[in-house]
Amino acid sequence: MNKDKFSLKDHGLEVYVARFQGSESGKIYVSASFSVLNAQGLRIKTVSRQLETRQVEPGYDALVFALRAGFDRICHEAILDLKESKF
């Protein structure tokens, strides 16, 4: 969020990660919802993102790297969308 210069001011952010996994075939699946909450805890804006990609190489370290990169990517995309909203 700091990298994207995103500030919530007096709002909160709720993140629900629905999928964060790799498969034996080398596919990576990441999906999450990002909700801005007002001072009373009510959702005022929600965006969802999902990503399906492949590991560059086999192995646990490559899996962890790909999952992290995928999560970072969907977070960045969601924050860009939320920044456009006026709340």
PDB file of N, CA and C in Angstrom:
ATOM      1  N   MET A   1       0.819  -1.185   0.000  1.00  0.00           N
ATOM      2  CA  MET A   1       0.000   0.000   0.000  1.00  0.00           C
ATOM      3  C   MET A   1       0.868   1.255   0.000  1.00  0.00           C
ATOM      4  N   ASN A   2       1.978   1.205   0.686  1.00  0.00           N
ATOM      5  CA  ASN A   2       2.862   2.366   0.707  1.00  0.00           C
ATOM      6  C   ASN A   2       3.427   2.644  -0.675  1.00  0.00           C
ATOM      7  N   LYS A   3       3.806   1.578  -1.380  1.00  0.00           N
ATOM      8  CA  LYS A   3       4.380   1.719  -2.715  1.00  0.00           C
ATOM      9  C   LYS A   3       3.387   2.384  -3.668  1.00  0.00           C
ATOM     10  N   ASP A   4       2.100   2.084  -3.496  1.00  0.00           N
ATOM     11  CA  ASP A   4       1.064   2.647  -4.360  1.00  0.00           C
ATOM     12  C   ASP A   4       0.509   3.965  -3.845  1.00  0.00           C
ATOM     13  N   LYS A   5       1.088   4.475  -2.745  1.00  0.00           N
ATOM     14  CA  LYS A   5       0.630   5.736  -2.139  1.00  0.00           C
ATOM     15  C   LYS A   5      -0.874   5.718  -1.894  1.00  0.00           C
ATOM     16  N   PHE A   6      -1.313   4.667  -1.232  1.00  0.00           N
ATOM     17  CA  PHE A   6      -2.734   4.470  -0.941  1.00  0.00           C
ATOM     18  C   PHE A   6      -2.974   4.712   0.536  1.00  0.00           C
ATOM     19  N   SER A   7      -3.888   5.610   0.851  1.00  0.00           N
ATOM     20  CA  SER A   7      -4.214   5.926   2.238  1.00  0.00           C
ATOM     21  C   SER A   7      -5.699   5.707   2.470  1.00  0.00           C
ATOM     22  N   LEU A   8      -6.017   5.099   3.587  1.00  0.00           N
ATOM     23  CA  LEU A   8      -7.421   4.841   3.929  1.00  0.00           C
ATOM     24  C   LEU A   8      -8.025   5.938   4.796  1.00  0.00           C
ATOM     25  N   LYS A   9      -7.213   6.873   5.256  1.00  0.00           N
ATOM     26  CA  LYS A   9      -7.646   7.932   6.166  1.00  0.00           C
ATOM     27  C   LYS A   9      -8.319   7.312   7.384  1.00  0.00           C
ATOM     28  N   ASP A  10      -9.606   7.544   7.581  1.00  0.00           N
ATOM     29  CA  ASP A  10     -10.299   6.991   8.752  1.00  0.00           C
ATOM     30  C   ASP A  10     -11.090   5.731   8.415  1.00  0.00           C
ATOM     31  N   HIS A  11     -10.728   5.055   7.339  1.00  0.00           N
ATOM     32  CA  HIS A  11     -11.387   3.824   6.924  1.00  0.00           C
ATOM     33  C   HIS A  11     -10.499   2.617   7.219  1.00  0.00           C
ATOM     34  N   GLY A  12     -11.097   1.433   7.172  1.00  0.00           N
ATOM     35  CA  GLY A  12     -10.352   0.200   7.363  1.00  0.00           C
ATOM     36  C   GLY A  12     -10.327  -0.601   6.072  1.00  0.00           C
ATOM     37  N   LEU A  13      -9.466  -1.591   6.028  1.00  0.00           N
ATOM     38  CA  LEU A  13      -9.369  -2.472   4.875  1.00  0.00           C
ATOM     39  C   LEU A  13      -9.486  -3.912   5.350  1.00  0.00           C
ATOM     40  N   GLU A  14     -10.408  -4.637   4.751  1.00  0.00           N
ATOM     41  CA  GLU A  14     -10.601  -6.054   5.051  1.00  0.00           C
ATOM     42  C   GLU A  14     -10.179  -6.840   3.811  1.00  0.00           C
ATOM     43  N   VAL A  15      -9.312  -7.829   4.009  1.00  0.00           N
ATOM     44  CA  VAL A  15      -8.840  -8.654   2.905  1.00  0.00           C
ATOM     45  C   VAL A  15      -9.251 -10.091   3.180  1.00  0.00           C
ATOM     46  N   TYR A  16      -9.948 -10.686   2.217  1.00  0.00           N
ATOM     47  CA  TYR A  16     -10.353 -12.086   2.319  1.00  0.00           C
ATOM     48  C   TYR A  16      -9.664 -12.846   1.193  1.00  0.00           C
ATOM     49  N   VAL A  17      -8.751 -13.745   1.553  1.00  0.00           N
ATOM     50  CA  VAL A  17      -8.031 -14.549   0.574  1.00  0.00           C
ATOM     51  C   VAL A  17      -8.812 -15.846   0.379  1.00  0.00           C
ATOM     52  N   ALA A  18      -9.371 -16.007  -0.807  1.00  0.00           N
ATOM     53  CA  ALA A  18     -10.191 -17.180  -1.100  1.00  0.00           C
ATOM     54  C   ALA A  18      -9.353 -18.347  -1.632  1.00  0.00           C
ATOM     55  N   ARG A  19      -8.273 -18.027  -2.324  1.00  0.00           N
ATOM     56  CA  ARG A  19      -7.459 -19.093  -2.906  1.00  0.00           C
ATOM     57  C   ARG A  19      -6.013 -18.635  -2.957  1.00  0.00           C
ATOM     58  N   PHE A  20      -5.114 -19.528  -2.516  1.00  0.00           N
ATOM     59  CA  PHE A  20      -3.686 -19.243  -2.477  1.00  0.00           C
ATOM     60  C   PHE A  20      -2.994 -20.587  -2.524  1.00  0.00           C
ATOM     61  N   GLN A  21      -2.878 -21.129  -3.739  1.00  0.00           N
ATOM     62  CA  GLN A  21      -2.353 -22.490  -3.830  1.00  0.00           C
ATOM     63  C   GLN A  21      -1.672 -22.741  -5.160  1.00  0.00           C
ATOM     64  N   GLY A  22      -0.840 -23.758  -5.142  1.00  0.00           N
ATOM     65  CA  GLY A  22      -0.205 -24.249  -6.351  1.00  0.00           C
ATOM     66  C   GLY A  22      -0.669 -25.673  -6.602  1.00  0.00           C
ATOM     67  N   SER A  23      -0.406 -26.161  -7.804  1.00  0.00           N
ATOM     68  CA  SER A  23      -0.788 -27.530  -8.149  1.00  0.00           C
ATOM     69  C   SER A  23       0.442 -28.313  -8.590  1.00  0.00           C
ATOM     70  N   GLU A  24       0.305 -29.612  -8.617  1.00  0.00           N
ATOM     71  CA  GLU A  24       1.413 -30.455  -9.056  1.00  0.00           C
ATOM     72  C   GLU A  24       1.801 -30.186 -10.501  1.00  0.00           C
ATOM     73  N   SER A  25       0.866 -29.699 -11.284  1.00  0.00           N
ATOM     74  CA  SER A  25       1.153 -29.397 -12.691  1.00  0.00           C
ATOM     75  C   SER A  25       1.889 -28.069 -12.862  1.00  0.00           C
ATOM     76  N   GLY A  26       2.118 -27.336 -11.763  1.00  0.00           N
ATOM     77  CA  GLY A  26       2.850 -26.082 -11.833  1.00  0.00           C
ATOM     78  C   GLY A  26       1.980 -24.844 -11.948  1.00  0.00           C
ATOM     79  N   LYS A  27       0.666 -25.009 -11.886  1.00  0.00           N
ATOM     80  CA  LYS A  27      -0.216 -23.848 -11.940  1.00  0.00           C
ATOM     81  C   LYS A  27      -0.325 -23.208 -10.563  1.00  0.00           C
ATOM     82  N   ILE A  28      -0.495 -21.888 -10.578  1.00  0.00           N
ATOM     83  CA  ILE A  28      -0.648 -21.091  -9.361  1.00  0.00           C
ATOM     84  C   ILE A  28      -2.016 -20.435  -9.407  1.00  0.00           C
ATOM     85  N   TYR A  29      -2.732 -20.476  -8.290  1.00  0.00           N
ATOM     86  CA  TYR A  29      -4.063 -19.869  -8.190  1.00  0.00           C
ATOM     87  C   TYR A  29      -4.084 -18.925  -6.985  1.00  0.00           C
ATOM     88  N   VAL A  30      -4.440 -17.676  -7.237  1.00  0.00           N
ATOM     89  CA  VAL A  30      -4.541 -16.687  -6.167  1.00  0.00           C
ATOM     90  C   VAL A  30      -5.811 -15.877  -6.404  1.00  0.00           C
ATOM     91  N   SER A  31      -6.644 -15.746  -5.382  1.00  0.00           N
ATOM     92  CA  SER A  31      -7.818 -14.878  -5.486  1.00  0.00           C
ATOM     93  C   SER A  31      -8.116 -14.271  -4.117  1.00  0.00           C
ATOM     94  N   ALA A  32      -8.602 -13.029  -4.145  1.00  0.00           N
ATOM     95  CA  ALA A  32      -8.895 -12.322  -2.898  1.00  0.00           C
ATOM     96  C   ALA A  32      -9.887 -11.200  -3.160  1.00  0.00           C
ATOM     97  N   SER A  33     -10.574 -10.808  -2.089  1.00  0.00           N
ATOM     98  CA  SER A  33     -11.473  -9.656  -2.108  1.00  0.00           C
ATOM     99  C   SER A  33     -10.922  -8.619  -1.149  1.00  0.00           C
ATOM    100  N   PHE A  34     -11.040  -7.368  -1.538  1.00  0.00           N
ATOM    101  CA  PHE A  34     -10.530  -6.248  -0.758  1.00  0.00           C
ATOM    102  C   PHE A  34     -11.695  -5.302  -0.512  1.00  0.00           C
ATOM    103  N   SER A  35     -12.041  -5.076   0.752  1.00  0.00           N
ATOM    104  CA  SER A  35     -13.184  -4.231   1.097  1.00  0.00           C
ATOM    105  C   SER A  35     -12.741  -3.054   1.953  1.00  0.00           C
ATOM    106  N   VAL A  36     -13.180  -1.865   1.562  1.00  0.00           N
ATOM    107  CA  VAL A  36     -12.968  -0.669   2.378  1.00  0.00           C
ATOM    108  C   VAL A  36     -14.142  -0.587   3.349  1.00  0.00           C
ATOM    109  N   LEU A  37     -13.817  -0.390   4.633  1.00  0.00           N
ATOM    110  CA  LEU A  37     -14.828  -0.305   5.687  1.00  0.00           C
ATOM    111  C   LEU A  37     -14.892   1.121   6.221  1.00  0.00           C
ATOM    112  N   ASN A  38     -16.115   1.576   6.495  1.00  0.00           N
ATOM    113  CA  ASN A  38     -16.249   2.909   7.100  1.00  0.00           C
ATOM    114  C   ASN A  38     -15.977   2.806   8.601  1.00  0.00           C
ATOM    115  N   ALA A  39     -16.114   3.905   9.307  1.00  0.00           N
ATOM    116  CA  ALA A  39     -15.809   3.943  10.748  1.00  0.00           C
ATOM    117  C   ALA A  39     -16.690   2.998  11.559  1.00  0.00           C
ATOM    118  N   GLN A  40     -17.878   2.670  11.050  1.00  0.00           N
ATOM    119  CA  GLN A  40     -18.782   1.746  11.737  1.00  0.00           C
ATOM    120  C   GLN A  40     -18.518   0.288  11.352  1.00  0.00           C
ATOM    121  N   GLY A  41     -17.546   0.048  10.489  1.00  0.00           N
ATOM    122  CA  GLY A  41     -17.210  -1.312  10.085  1.00  0.00           C
ATOM    123  C   GLY A  41     -18.037  -1.848   8.930  1.00  0.00           C
ATOM    124  N   LEU A  42     -18.795  -0.974   8.265  1.00  0.00           N
ATOM    125  CA  LEU A  42     -19.614  -1.392   7.132  1.00  0.00           C
ATOM    126  C   LEU A  42     -18.821  -1.282   5.834  1.00  0.00           C
ATOM    127  N   ARG A  43     -19.001  -2.270   4.967  1.00  0.00           N
ATOM    128  CA  ARG A  43     -18.310  -2.260   3.674  1.00  0.00           C
ATOM    129  C   ARG A  43     -18.904  -1.165   2.787  1.00  0.00           C
ATOM    130  N   ILE A  44     -18.037  -0.336   2.232  1.00  0.00           N
ATOM    131  CA  ILE A  44     -18.518   0.706   1.329  1.00  0.00           C
ATOM    132  C   ILE A  44     -18.002   0.510  -0.092  1.00  0.00           C
ATOM    133  N   LYS A  45     -16.996  -0.327  -0.262  1.00  0.00           N
ATOM    134  CA  LYS A  45     -16.472  -0.634  -1.599  1.00  0.00           C
ATOM    135  C   LYS A  45     -15.728  -1.956  -1.517  1.00  0.00           C
ATOM    136  N   THR A  46     -16.006  -2.859  -2.456  1.00  0.00           N
ATOM    137  CA  THR A  46     -15.308  -4.139  -2.522  1.00  0.00           C
ATOM    138  C   THR A  46     -14.868  -4.397  -3.950  1.00  0.00           C
ATOM    139  N   VAL A  47     -13.623  -4.826  -4.085  1.00  0.00           N
ATOM    140  CA  VAL A  47     -13.124  -5.278  -5.383  1.00  0.00           C
ATOM    141  C   VAL A  47     -12.536  -6.662  -5.187  1.00  0.00           C
ATOM    142  N   SER A  48     -12.690  -7.495  -6.190  1.00  0.00           N
ATOM    143  CA  SER A  48     -12.153  -8.854  -6.144  1.00  0.00           C
ATOM    144  C   SER A  48     -11.201  -9.047  -7.311  1.00  0.00           C
ATOM    145  N   ARG A  49     -10.176  -9.815  -7.065  1.00  0.00           N
ATOM    146  CA  ARG A  49      -9.190 -10.110  -8.092  1.00  0.00           C
ATOM    147  C   ARG A  49      -8.820 -11.583  -8.019  1.00  0.00           C
ATOM    148  N   GLN A  50      -8.505 -12.147  -9.183  1.00  0.00           N
ATOM    149  CA  GLN A  50      -8.017 -13.523  -9.215  1.00  0.00           C
ATOM    150  C   GLN A  50      -6.947 -13.637 -10.284  1.00  0.00           C
ATOM    151  N   LEU A  51      -6.069 -14.606 -10.092  1.00  0.00           N
ATOM    152  CA  LEU A  51      -4.958 -14.807 -11.003  1.00  0.00           C
ATOM    153  C   LEU A  51      -4.680 -16.300 -11.118  1.00  0.00           C
ATOM    154  N   GLU A  52      -4.468 -16.737 -12.336  1.00  0.00           N
ATOM    155  CA  GLU A  52      -4.025 -18.108 -12.597  1.00  0.00           C
ATOM    156  C   GLU A  52      -2.803 -17.992 -13.490  1.00  0.00           C
ATOM    157  N   THR A  53      -1.703 -18.557 -13.030  1.00  0.00           N
ATOM    158  CA  THR A  53      -0.448 -18.480 -13.777  1.00  0.00           C
ATOM    159  C   THR A  53       0.345 -19.768 -13.558  1.00  0.00           C
ATOM    160  N   ARG A  54       1.561 -19.799 -14.031  1.00  0.00           N
ATOM    161  CA  ARG A  54       2.398 -20.988 -13.890  1.00  0.00           C
ATOM    162  C   ARG A  54       3.707 -20.630 -13.185  1.00  0.00           C
ATOM    163  N   GLN A  55       4.263 -21.618 -12.478  1.00  0.00           N
ATOM    164  CA  GLN A  55       5.582 -21.469 -11.892  1.00  0.00           C
ATOM    165  C   GLN A  55       6.605 -21.414 -13.019  1.00  0.00           C
ATOM    166  N   VAL A  56       7.650 -20.639 -12.831  1.00  0.00           N
ATOM    167  CA  VAL A  56       8.711 -20.543 -13.834  1.00  0.00           C
ATOM    168  C   VAL A  56       9.553 -21.814 -13.838  1.00  0.00           C
ATOM    169  N   GLU A  57       9.764 -22.371 -12.673  1.00  0.00           N
ATOM    170  CA  GLU A  57      10.547 -23.610 -12.548  1.00  0.00           C
ATOM    171  C   GLU A  57       9.957 -24.456 -11.439  1.00  0.00           C
ATOM    172  N   PRO A  58      10.269 -25.746 -11.400  1.00  0.00           N
ATOM    173  CA  PRO A  58       9.712 -26.602 -10.352  1.00  0.00           C
ATOM    174  C   PRO A  58      10.386 -26.363  -8.998  1.00  0.00           C
ATOM    175  N   GLY A  59       9.722 -26.822  -7.940  1.00  0.00           N
ATOM    176  CA  GLY A  59      10.308 -26.762  -6.605  1.00  0.00           C
ATOM    177  C   GLY A  59       9.547 -25.848  -5.667  1.00  0.00           C
ATOM    178  N   TYR A  60       9.780 -26.094  -4.389  1.00  0.00           N
ATOM    179  CA  TYR A  60       9.074 -25.346  -3.341  1.00  0.00           C
ATOM    180  C   TYR A  60       9.416 -23.856  -3.367  1.00  0.00           C
ATOM    181  N   ASP A  61      10.686 -23.527  -3.507  1.00  0.00           N
ATOM    182  CA  ASP A  61      11.078 -22.115  -3.521  1.00  0.00           C
ATOM    183  C   ASP A  61      10.412 -21.366  -4.674  1.00  0.00           C
ATOM    184  N   ALA A  62      10.333 -22.003  -5.834  1.00  0.00           N
ATOM    185  CA  ALA A  62       9.677 -21.386  -6.989  1.00  0.00           C
ATOM    186  C   ALA A  62       8.178 -21.232  -6.737  1.00  0.00           C
ATOM    187  N   LEU A  63       7.580 -22.199  -6.044  1.00  0.00           N
ATOM    188  CA  LEU A  63       6.162 -22.115  -5.685  1.00  0.00           C
ATOM    189  C   LEU A  63       5.917 -20.916  -4.782  1.00  0.00           C
ATOM    190  N   VAL A  64       6.707 -20.790  -3.735  1.00  0.00           N
ATOM    191  CA  VAL A  64       6.558 -19.675  -2.793  1.00  0.00           C
ATOM    192  C   VAL A  64       6.756 -18.342  -3.508  1.00  0.00           C
ATOM    193  N   PHE A  65       7.762 -18.262  -4.367  1.00  0.00           N
ATOM    194  CA  PHE A  65       8.023 -17.034  -5.125  1.00  0.00           C
ATOM    195  C   PHE A  65       6.837 -16.680  -6.017  1.00  0.00           C
ATOM    196  N   ALA A  66       6.298 -17.668  -6.725  1.00  0.00           N
ATOM    197  CA  ALA A  66       5.173 -17.428  -7.639  1.00  0.00           C
ATOM    198  C   ALA A  66       3.915 -17.024  -6.881  1.00  0.00           C
ATOM    199  N   LEU A  67       3.647 -17.663  -5.740  1.00  0.00           N
ATOM    200  CA  LEU A  67       2.479 -17.294  -4.945  1.00  0.00           C
ATOM    201  C   LEU A  67       2.613 -15.856  -4.434  1.00  0.00           C
ATOM    202  N   ARG A  68       3.768 -15.518  -3.936  1.00  0.00           N
ATOM    203  CA  ARG A  68       4.005 -14.152  -3.435  1.00  0.00           C
ATOM    204  C   ARG A  68       3.851 -13.129  -4.553  1.00  0.00           C
ATOM    205  N   ALA A  69       4.456 -13.413  -5.707  1.00  0.00           N
ATOM    206  CA  ALA A  69       4.363 -12.489  -6.841  1.00  0.00           C
ATOM    207  C   ALA A  69       2.910 -12.343  -7.295  1.00  0.00           C
ATOM    208  N   GLY A  70       2.165 -13.440  -7.312  1.00  0.00           N
ATOM    209  CA  GLY A  70       0.760 -13.393  -7.701  1.00  0.00           C
ATOM    210  C   GLY A  70      -0.071 -12.588  -6.727  1.00  0.00           C
ATOM    211  N   PHE A  71       0.164 -12.791  -5.431  1.00  0.00           N
ATOM    212  CA  PHE A  71      -0.583 -12.033  -4.420  1.00  0.00           C
ATOM    213  C   PHE A  71      -0.242 -10.549  -4.497  1.00  0.00           C
ATOM    214  N   ASP A  72       1.040 -10.235  -4.652  1.00  0.00           N
ATOM    215  CA  ASP A  72       1.448  -8.834  -4.792  1.00  0.00           C
ATOM    216  C   ASP A  72       0.762  -8.192  -6.000  1.00  0.00           C
ATOM    217  N   ARG A  73       0.667  -8.935  -7.079  1.00  0.00           N
ATOM    218  CA  ARG A  73       0.057  -8.409  -8.309  1.00  0.00           C
ATOM    219  C   ARG A  73      -1.429  -8.098  -8.113  1.00  0.00           C
ATOM    220  N   ILE A  74      -2.175  -9.035  -7.518  1.00  0.00           N
ATOM    221  CA  ILE A  74      -3.608  -8.766  -7.342  1.00  0.00           C
ATOM    222  C   ILE A  74      -3.841  -7.666  -6.307  1.00  0.00           C
ATOM    223  N   CYS A  75      -2.965  -7.573  -5.304  1.00  0.00           N
ATOM    224  CA  CYS A  75      -3.073  -6.474  -4.336  1.00  0.00           C
ATOM    225  C   CYS A  75      -2.872  -5.134  -5.038  1.00  0.00           C
ATOM    226  N   HIS A  76      -1.851  -5.047  -5.856  1.00  0.00           N
ATOM    227  CA  HIS A  76      -1.570  -3.812  -6.594  1.00  0.00           C
ATOM    228  C   HIS A  76      -2.754  -3.422  -7.477  1.00  0.00           C
ATOM    229  N   GLU A  77      -3.304  -4.383  -8.207  1.00  0.00           N
ATOM    230  CA  GLU A  77      -4.446  -4.104  -9.085  1.00  0.00           C
ATOM    231  C   GLU A  77      -5.668  -3.642  -8.284  1.00  0.00           C
ATOM    232  N   ALA A  78      -5.919  -4.291  -7.163  1.00  0.00           N
ATOM    233  CA  ALA A  78      -7.064  -3.916  -6.326  1.00  0.00           C
ATOM    234  C   ALA A  78      -6.887  -2.516  -5.753  1.00  0.00           C
ATOM    235  N   ILE A  79      -5.698  -2.192  -5.307  1.00  0.00           N
ATOM    236  CA  ILE A  79      -5.439  -0.869  -4.740  1.00  0.00           C
ATOM    237  C   ILE A  79      -5.608   0.213  -5.795  1.00  0.00           C
ATOM    238  N   LEU A  80      -5.154  -0.049  -7.012  1.00  0.00           N
ATOM    239  CA  LEU A  80      -5.354   0.928  -8.089  1.00  0.00           C
ATOM    240  C   LEU A  80      -6.839   1.185  -8.308  1.00  0.00           C
ATOM    241  N   ASP A  81      -7.637   0.123  -8.263  1.00  0.00           N
ATOM    242  CA  ASP A  81      -9.088   0.270  -8.432  1.00  0.00           C
ATOM    243  C   ASP A  81      -9.699   1.034  -7.253  1.00  0.00           C
ATOM    244  N   LEU A  82      -9.284   0.705  -6.044  1.00  0.00           N
ATOM    245  CA  LEU A  82      -9.824   1.384  -4.859  1.00  0.00           C
ATOM    246  C   LEU A  82      -9.417   2.850  -4.803  1.00  0.00           C
ATOM    247  N   LYS A  83      -8.225   3.173  -5.302  1.00  0.00           N
ATOM    248  CA  LYS A  83      -7.757   4.567  -5.297  1.00  0.00           C
ATOM    249  C   LYS A  83      -8.662   5.458  -6.138  1.00  0.00           C
ATOM    250  N   GLU A  84      -9.287   4.896  -7.160  1.00  0.00           N
ATOM    251  CA  GLU A  84     -10.164   5.675  -8.029  1.00  0.00           C
ATOM    252  C   GLU A  84     -11.476   6.026  -7.350  1.00  0.00           C
ATOM    253  N   SER A  85     -11.815   5.299  -6.298  1.00  0.00           N
ATOM    254  CA  SER A  85     -13.096   5.522  -5.594  1.00  0.00           C
ATOM    255  C   SER A  85     -12.964   6.690  -4.622  1.00  0.00           C
ATOM    256  N   LYS A  86     -14.025   7.396  -4.484  1.00  0.00           N
ATOM    257  CA  LYS A  86     -14.081   8.476  -3.486  1.00  0.00           C
ATOM    258  C   LYS A  86     -14.918   7.978  -2.306  1.00  0.00           C
ATOM    259  N   PHE A  87     -14.272   7.846  -1.160  1.00  0.00           N
ATOM    260  CA  PHE A  87     -15.011   7.409   0.028  1.00  0.00           C
ATOM    261  C   PHE A  87     -14.650   8.249   1.224  1.00  0.00           C
TER     262      PHE A  87
END
